[in-house]
Amino acid sequence: MNNPLFLNITNETVLFYGWWQFGTCLFAFFALLSIWWHIGKKQNDFGQVWLALSVLCWSFSGLVEVYYAQNPVGNELLIDGYRSILSLFNSLFILLALPWFRYLPGFLKNIIKSRYWTLIVGLPFLFSLLPTINKMAFGKSSLVNELDVYYAVLTLIFLGFVLWHSFAKRRLLSLAFLSLVCILITLLAQFYKLTDSTINMTLFSAIFKTSLIMIFFALALSWVKELSENVIPSASNLSMVFKVNRQHEKVERAVLFGGFPGDKVRRVLLPNSQFELFYRFAAVRKEEGSDWLEIKPKHHALREKSYDIGDYNEIRRLLFSLLDGLFGKGNWTKKQHLTPFKETLFELSKRRERKIRLLVPPENITL
């Protein structure tokens, strides 16, 4: 029966597929590496390098297809062995990229961020690689394909959760759903390897590899989008409006920030003590004369003198609350957000007098 879904793969088809896989994946490797070179390298983030290397494995796999299509040796065991080894390395590199992802699901974060993560993913890799090499050399195992499939399934489960969480945290739900569809297609392709189905696996392989590469690029672009939206504006471009809303017995204290790219206004709710401290900074900044607030020295009795701020921890807690409101709790880092935001918002006295003031211009503050 000549059903197009069950065609025998001809030598020309394998050759075409091999060259397509080699060229497409090699281009994707250099493209992902270029994005990392211009952006990730400055952030000291090597996650994209591991993803690029995983795609490079597919490119080498394409060369294997080309070589054996042009030089048929009649040894399917050897061909399957090379495919399996490259598939194992592809899965390993994806797993090694996961600790570099900024957003990880809570129940997996402790595992992926663990110092034992390399062992967790490395030992199953070795247990899968060594029998595969043994099979190619001595022909004493029947698990060449199965071992790389099991490792790939483990990889896809972890990758699916991480991709969903990454896109969802960046408020890109359509991409989150597309990433799940891509993972399901890839899982289906892996399960078909375990069966004797005559479905055209070459077509299936081309579909899921193309889909995963596009998801990797979408992930890179979502990262670039986040970086562009989370740029801390300069003090002169930052504006603040302090608002207190009273509804029955409930009092809501908010600060509206303007000047951030992407959004017109960002609204931050503060508890009473932190709102009063921030309001005090803004109030003295608006007044003529000294706009400095003094921080109480450590181990200094309060009764000796009245100070504006109890200790540096009050400033630190205020900054944490502001960043949680501006970027989301757990969505900011010290290097990218806390340090530049603190330098934009506050200025310490150069004479080390334990004095601090707000840097935002008075005309940009509304009380």
Protein backbone atom coordinates (compact mmCIF):
# COMPACT_ATOMS: atom_id res chain seq x y z
CA MET A 1 0.00 0.00 0.00
CA ASN A 2 1.56 3.30 -1.10
CA ASN A 3 0.45 5.45 1.82
CA PRO A 4 2.64 8.61 1.82
CA LEU A 5 2.96 8.38 5.62
CA PHE A 6 4.78 5.06 5.32
CA LEU A 7 7.26 5.68 2.51
CA ASN A 8 10.58 3.88 2.48
CA ILE A 9 13.40 6.35 2.96
CA THR A 10 15.55 6.45 -0.18
CA ASN A 11 19.25 7.22 -0.24
CA GLU A 12 18.54 10.59 -1.88
CA THR A 13 16.11 11.51 0.91
CA VAL A 14 18.69 10.70 3.59
CA LEU A 15 21.31 12.71 1.72
CA PHE A 16 18.98 15.71 1.38
CA TYR A 17 17.98 15.48 5.04
CA GLY A 18 21.61 15.19 6.15
CA TRP A 19 22.72 18.30 4.27
CA TRP A 20 19.63 20.20 5.46
CA GLN A 21 20.29 19.24 9.08
CA PHE A 22 23.99 20.08 8.83
CA GLY A 23 23.48 23.52 7.23
CA THR A 24 20.44 24.63 9.23
CA CYS A 25 21.79 23.56 12.61
CA LEU A 26 25.26 24.98 11.91
CA PHE A 27 23.69 28.34 11.03
CA ALA A 28 21.56 28.20 14.20
CA PHE A 29 24.68 27.40 16.25
CA PHE A 30 26.52 30.49 15.01
CA ALA A 31 23.40 32.66 15.36
CA LEU A 32 22.85 31.66 19.01
CA LEU A 33 26.55 32.09 19.71
CA SER A 34 26.45 35.58 18.13
CA ILE A 35 23.59 36.65 20.41
CA TRP A 36 25.60 35.39 23.38
CA TRP A 37 28.75 37.17 22.16
CA HIS A 38 27.01 40.55 22.01
CA ILE A 39 24.83 40.24 25.13
CA GLY A 40 25.35 37.12 27.24
CA LYS A 41 29.12 37.50 27.43
CA LYS A 42 28.73 40.89 29.13
CA GLN A 43 26.26 39.34 31.58
CA ASN A 44 28.67 36.44 32.27
CA ASP A 45 25.82 34.11 31.27
CA PHE A 46 26.89 30.88 29.53
CA GLY A 47 23.48 29.24 29.24
CA GLN A 48 23.17 30.18 25.60
CA VAL A 49 26.59 28.69 24.84
CA TRP A 50 25.38 25.28 26.07
CA LEU A 51 22.19 25.58 24.00
CA ALA A 52 24.27 26.49 20.94
CA LEU A 53 26.49 23.43 21.51
CA SER A 54 23.41 21.23 21.75
CA VAL A 55 22.31 22.46 18.32
CA LEU A 56 25.84 21.87 16.98
CA CYS A 57 25.43 18.18 17.88
CA TRP A 58 22.50 18.01 15.47
CA SER A 59 24.70 19.58 12.80
CA PHE A 60 27.33 16.85 13.27
CA SER A 61 24.54 14.28 13.17
CA GLY A 62 23.62 15.65 9.75
CA LEU A 63 27.19 15.02 8.58
CA VAL A 64 26.91 11.42 9.78
CA GLU A 65 23.76 11.02 7.65
CA VAL A 66 25.55 12.52 4.62
CA TYR A 67 28.64 10.34 5.03
CA TYR A 68 26.78 7.04 5.30
CA ALA A 69 24.37 8.01 2.51
CA GLN A 70 27.36 8.49 0.20
CA ASN A 71 29.36 5.58 1.64
CA PRO A 72 26.91 2.79 2.49
CA VAL A 73 28.66 0.21 4.64
CA GLY A 74 25.71 -2.01 5.45
CA ASN A 75 26.32 -1.60 9.17
CA GLU A 76 23.20 -0.02 10.67
CA LEU A 77 24.61 -0.66 14.13
CA LEU A 78 27.48 1.77 13.55
CA ILE A 79 25.20 4.47 12.12
CA ASP A 80 22.73 4.14 14.99
CA GLY A 81 25.63 4.30 17.43
CA TYR A 82 26.89 7.63 16.11
CA ARG A 83 23.34 9.02 16.08
CA SER A 84 22.86 7.89 19.67
CA ILE A 85 26.16 9.41 20.89
CA LEU A 86 25.37 12.78 19.32
CA SER A 87 21.83 12.64 20.72
CA LEU A 88 23.25 11.99 24.21
CA PHE A 89 25.60 14.97 23.93
CA ASN A 90 22.71 17.12 22.68
CA SER A 91 20.66 16.22 25.77
CA LEU A 92 23.63 16.72 28.10
CA PHE A 93 24.33 20.25 26.80
CA ILE A 94 20.66 21.22 27.20
CA LEU A 95 20.68 19.99 30.81
CA LEU A 96 23.92 21.90 31.51
CA ALA A 97 22.23 25.07 30.21
CA LEU A 98 19.33 24.89 32.70
CA PRO A 99 21.18 26.27 35.79
CA TRP A 100 21.82 29.48 33.83
CA PHE A 101 18.09 30.13 33.29
CA ARG A 102 16.93 33.08 35.37
CA TYR A 103 13.45 31.71 36.09
CA LEU A 104 13.16 28.16 37.38
CA PRO A 105 10.12 26.36 38.85
CA GLY A 106 10.21 26.36 42.64
CA PHE A 107 10.10 22.57 43.03
CA LEU A 108 13.01 22.11 40.56
CA LYS A 109 15.10 25.15 41.45
CA ASN A 110 16.90 23.53 44.38
CA ILE A 111 17.78 20.51 42.23
CA ILE A 112 18.93 22.42 39.13
CA LYS A 113 20.85 25.05 41.14
CA SER A 114 22.43 22.38 43.32
CA ARG A 115 26.20 21.96 43.18
CA TYR A 116 25.48 18.29 42.45
CA TRP A 117 23.59 19.08 39.23
CA THR A 118 26.62 18.14 37.10
CA LEU A 119 26.67 14.73 38.78
CA ILE A 120 22.88 14.35 38.51
CA VAL A 121 23.00 14.78 34.72
CA GLY A 122 26.52 13.46 34.14
CA LEU A 123 26.21 9.99 35.65
CA PRO A 124 23.13 8.96 33.57
CA PHE A 125 24.97 10.35 30.55
CA LEU A 126 27.95 8.07 31.20
CA PHE A 127 25.70 5.07 31.93
CA SER A 128 24.08 5.65 28.53
CA LEU A 129 27.26 6.48 26.60
CA LEU A 130 29.46 3.56 27.65
CA PRO A 131 27.03 0.76 26.65
CA THR A 132 26.48 2.56 23.34
CA ILE A 133 30.22 2.59 22.61
CA ASN A 134 30.44 -1.03 23.72
CA LYS A 135 27.65 -1.96 21.29
CA MET A 136 29.41 -0.20 18.41
CA ALA A 137 32.73 -1.87 19.20
CA PHE A 138 31.67 -5.40 20.18
CA GLY A 139 27.98 -5.73 19.28
CA LYS A 140 27.08 -7.10 22.72
CA SER A 141 24.18 -4.83 23.65
CA SER A 142 20.75 -4.22 22.20
CA LEU A 143 20.07 -0.86 23.83
CA VAL A 144 21.77 1.57 21.47
CA ASN A 145 18.69 3.57 20.58
CA GLU A 146 16.79 3.05 23.81
CA LEU A 147 19.42 4.53 26.13
CA ASP A 148 19.64 7.86 24.31
CA VAL A 149 15.82 7.97 24.14
CA TYR A 150 15.47 7.55 27.91
CA TYR A 151 18.03 10.29 28.51
CA ALA A 152 16.28 12.54 25.98
CA VAL A 153 12.92 12.01 27.73
CA LEU A 154 14.49 13.04 31.06
CA THR A 155 15.92 16.13 29.37
CA LEU A 156 12.60 17.09 27.77
CA ILE A 157 10.72 16.83 31.07
CA PHE A 158 13.14 19.25 32.75
CA LEU A 159 13.28 21.51 29.68
CA GLY A 160 9.47 21.65 29.40
CA PHE A 161 9.01 22.90 32.96
CA VAL A 162 11.84 25.44 32.65
CA LEU A 163 10.67 26.83 29.27
CA TRP A 164 7.09 27.22 30.51
CA HIS A 165 8.25 29.01 33.65
CA SER A 166 10.67 31.26 31.73
CA PHE A 167 8.07 32.46 29.21
CA ALA A 168 5.27 32.72 31.78
CA LYS A 169 7.40 34.85 34.13
CA ARG A 170 8.11 37.21 31.24
CA ARG A 171 4.36 37.42 30.54
CA LEU A 172 4.72 35.66 27.17
CA LEU A 173 1.95 33.07 27.57
CA SER A 174 1.54 32.34 23.85
CA LEU A 175 5.22 31.35 23.66
CA ALA A 176 4.83 29.32 26.86
CA PHE A 177 2.04 27.26 25.24
CA LEU A 178 4.02 26.92 21.99
CA SER A 179 7.02 25.64 23.94
CA LEU A 180 4.80 22.94 25.50
CA VAL A 181 3.50 21.92 22.07
CA CYS A 182 7.09 21.70 20.84
CA ILE A 183 8.11 19.54 23.84
CA LEU A 184 5.12 17.23 23.27
CA ILE A 185 6.00 16.77 19.57
CA THR A 186 9.61 16.01 20.52
CA LEU A 187 8.49 13.53 23.20
CA LEU A 188 6.22 11.81 20.68
CA ALA A 189 9.15 11.48 18.28
CA GLN A 190 11.28 9.92 21.04
CA PHE A 191 8.57 7.41 21.95
CA TYR A 192 8.25 6.37 18.29
CA LYS A 193 11.91 5.38 18.39
CA LEU A 194 10.99 2.74 20.97
CA THR A 195 8.45 1.13 18.65
CA ASP A 196 8.73 -0.68 15.35
CA SER A 197 6.45 1.85 13.71
CA THR A 198 7.19 2.51 10.06
CA ILE A 199 6.32 6.18 10.33
CA ASN A 200 8.77 8.39 8.48
CA MET A 201 11.11 9.30 11.37
CA THR A 202 13.18 11.53 9.08
CA LEU A 203 10.20 13.86 8.65
CA PHE A 204 9.40 13.69 12.37
CA SER A 205 13.02 14.51 13.23
CA ALA A 206 13.08 17.51 10.91
CA ILE A 207 9.87 18.88 12.47
CA PHE A 208 10.89 18.63 16.12
CA LYS A 209 14.46 19.86 15.57
CA THR A 210 13.24 22.91 13.66
CA SER A 211 10.63 23.61 16.35
CA LEU A 212 13.15 23.36 19.20
CA ILE A 213 15.60 25.66 17.42
CA MET A 214 12.86 28.26 16.95
CA ILE A 215 11.94 27.96 20.65
CA PHE A 216 15.61 28.53 21.57
CA PHE A 217 15.62 31.72 19.47
CA ALA A 218 12.32 32.83 21.01
CA LEU A 219 13.88 32.28 24.43
CA ALA A 220 16.91 34.36 23.48
CA LEU A 221 14.72 37.19 22.17
CA SER A 222 12.54 37.11 25.32
CA TRP A 223 15.74 37.50 27.33
CA VAL A 224 16.77 40.49 25.17
CA LYS A 225 13.28 41.96 25.58
CA GLU A 226 13.50 41.62 29.35
CA LEU A 227 16.93 43.27 29.44
CA SER A 228 15.65 46.21 27.39
CA GLU A 229 12.58 46.69 29.60
CA ASN A 230 14.52 46.36 32.85
CA VAL A 231 17.02 49.10 32.12
CA ILE A 232 17.27 51.37 35.14
CA PRO A 233 16.67 54.97 34.00
CA SER A 234 18.90 57.80 35.12
CA ALA A 235 17.81 59.92 38.09
CA SER A 236 16.96 62.85 35.81
CA ASN A 237 14.56 60.65 33.77
CA LEU A 238 12.90 59.08 36.79
CA SER A 239 9.65 60.51 38.14
CA MET A 240 7.72 59.62 41.30
CA VAL A 241 4.21 60.28 42.55
CA PHE A 242 3.32 59.47 46.17
CA LYS A 243 -0.30 58.49 46.75
CA VAL A 244 -2.32 57.46 49.81
CA ASN A 245 -5.75 55.98 49.10
CA ARG A 246 -8.21 55.46 51.95
CA GLN A 247 -11.17 53.14 51.40
CA HIS A 248 -13.20 52.61 54.55
CA GLU A 249 -10.71 51.17 57.07
CA LYS A 250 -8.14 50.14 54.48
CA VAL A 251 -5.24 52.48 53.68
CA GLU A 252 -3.16 51.86 50.56
CA ARG A 253 0.20 53.58 50.20
CA ALA A 254 1.67 53.58 46.70
CA VAL A 255 4.49 55.18 44.73
CA LEU A 256 4.03 55.58 40.97
CA PHE A 257 7.27 55.44 38.99
CA GLY A 258 7.66 56.88 35.50
CA GLY A 259 10.62 56.76 33.14
CA PHE A 260 11.06 52.99 32.83
CA PRO A 261 11.06 51.65 29.24
CA GLY A 262 8.17 49.47 28.14
CA ASP A 263 5.59 50.70 30.68
CA LYS A 264 4.15 54.16 31.17
CA VAL A 265 3.81 53.92 34.94
CA ARG A 266 4.89 51.25 37.44
CA ARG A 267 2.96 51.13 40.70
CA VAL A 268 4.63 49.97 43.91
CA LEU A 269 2.75 49.34 47.15
CA LEU A 270 4.74 49.90 50.36
CA PRO A 271 4.08 49.12 54.03
CA ASN A 272 3.51 52.13 56.28
CA SER A 273 7.03 52.40 57.77
CA GLN A 274 8.80 52.16 54.40
CA PHE A 275 6.36 54.54 52.73
CA GLU A 276 6.95 57.13 55.48
CA LEU A 277 10.73 56.79 55.12
CA PHE A 278 10.61 57.16 51.34
CA TYR A 279 8.17 60.06 51.66
CA ARG A 280 10.58 61.76 54.07
CA PHE A 281 13.35 61.51 51.45
CA ALA A 282 11.07 63.05 48.83
CA ALA A 283 9.74 65.78 51.15
CA VAL A 284 13.15 67.12 52.14
CA ARG A 285 14.25 66.91 48.49
CA LYS A 286 11.34 69.16 47.53
CA GLU A 287 12.14 71.70 50.25
CA GLU A 288 14.75 74.39 49.91
CA GLY A 289 17.88 73.97 51.99
CA SER A 290 19.49 70.74 53.18
CA ASP A 291 18.03 67.63 51.57
CA TRP A 292 20.24 65.15 53.44
CA LEU A 293 18.97 62.60 55.95
CA GLU A 294 21.29 61.34 58.67
CA ILE A 295 21.74 57.67 59.55
CA LYS A 296 22.27 56.71 63.19
CA PRO A 297 25.80 55.42 63.86
CA LYS A 298 26.16 51.84 64.95
CA HIS A 299 26.04 51.27 68.75
CA HIS A 300 24.91 54.87 69.23
CA ALA A 301 22.24 55.58 71.83
CA LEU A 302 19.12 57.17 70.35
CA ARG A 303 18.53 59.35 73.39
CA GLU A 304 21.71 61.33 72.72
CA LYS A 305 20.42 62.68 69.42
CA SER A 306 17.47 62.25 67.11
CA TYR A 307 18.35 60.68 63.75
CA ASP A 308 16.32 60.49 60.54
CA ILE A 309 17.15 56.83 59.83
CA GLY A 310 17.75 54.07 62.38
CA ASP A 311 20.36 52.10 60.36
CA TYR A 312 21.43 51.15 56.84
CA ASN A 313 19.14 48.11 56.92
CA GLU A 314 16.13 50.41 56.66
CA ILE A 315 17.45 51.66 53.30
CA ARG A 316 18.18 48.09 52.21
CA ARG A 317 14.68 46.87 53.08
CA LEU A 318 13.17 49.86 51.27
CA LEU A 319 15.19 49.08 48.13
CA PHE A 320 14.14 45.42 48.24
CA SER A 321 10.45 46.37 48.49
CA LEU A 322 10.77 48.87 45.63
CA LEU A 323 12.49 46.31 43.38
CA ASP A 324 9.90 43.64 44.24
CA GLY A 325 7.19 46.07 43.17
CA LEU A 326 8.97 47.26 40.02
CA PHE A 327 10.17 43.91 38.64
CA GLY A 328 8.36 41.23 40.63
CA LYS A 329 9.53 39.32 43.67
CA GLY A 330 12.46 37.09 42.79
CA ASN A 331 12.74 38.58 39.29
CA TRP A 332 15.63 40.93 39.99
CA THR A 333 19.33 40.44 40.68
CA LYS A 334 21.90 42.39 42.65
CA LYS A 335 24.19 43.09 39.70
CA GLN A 336 21.56 43.99 37.12
CA HIS A 337 18.96 45.73 39.31
CA LEU A 338 19.84 46.41 42.95
CA THR A 339 23.22 48.10 42.51
CA PRO A 340 22.28 50.39 39.55
CA PHE A 341 18.89 51.23 41.11
CA LYS A 342 20.52 52.19 44.42
CA GLU A 343 23.06 54.38 42.59
CA THR A 344 20.26 56.01 40.59
CA LEU A 345 17.98 56.64 43.55
CA PHE A 346 20.31 57.62 46.40
CA GLU A 347 23.55 59.48 46.97
CA LEU A 348 25.80 59.02 50.00
CA SER A 349 27.81 61.91 51.40
CA LYS A 350 31.35 61.86 50.02
CA ARG A 351 32.67 63.04 53.40
CA ARG A 352 31.42 59.84 55.04
CA GLU A 353 29.09 61.70 57.38
CA ARG A 354 26.50 58.90 57.36
CA LYS A 355 24.25 61.19 55.34
CA ILE A 356 22.12 60.15 52.37
CA ARG A 357 19.75 61.92 50.03
CA LEU A 358 17.44 61.28 47.10
CA LEU A 359 18.93 61.97 43.65
CA VAL A 360 15.66 62.39 41.74
CA PRO A 361 15.21 66.08 40.80
CA PRO A 362 12.61 67.94 42.91
CA GLU A 363 10.56 68.81 39.84
CA ASN A 364 10.15 65.05 39.11
CA ILE A 365 8.57 64.39 42.53
CA THR A 366 4.86 64.81 43.27
CA LEU A 367 3.73 64.50 46.88
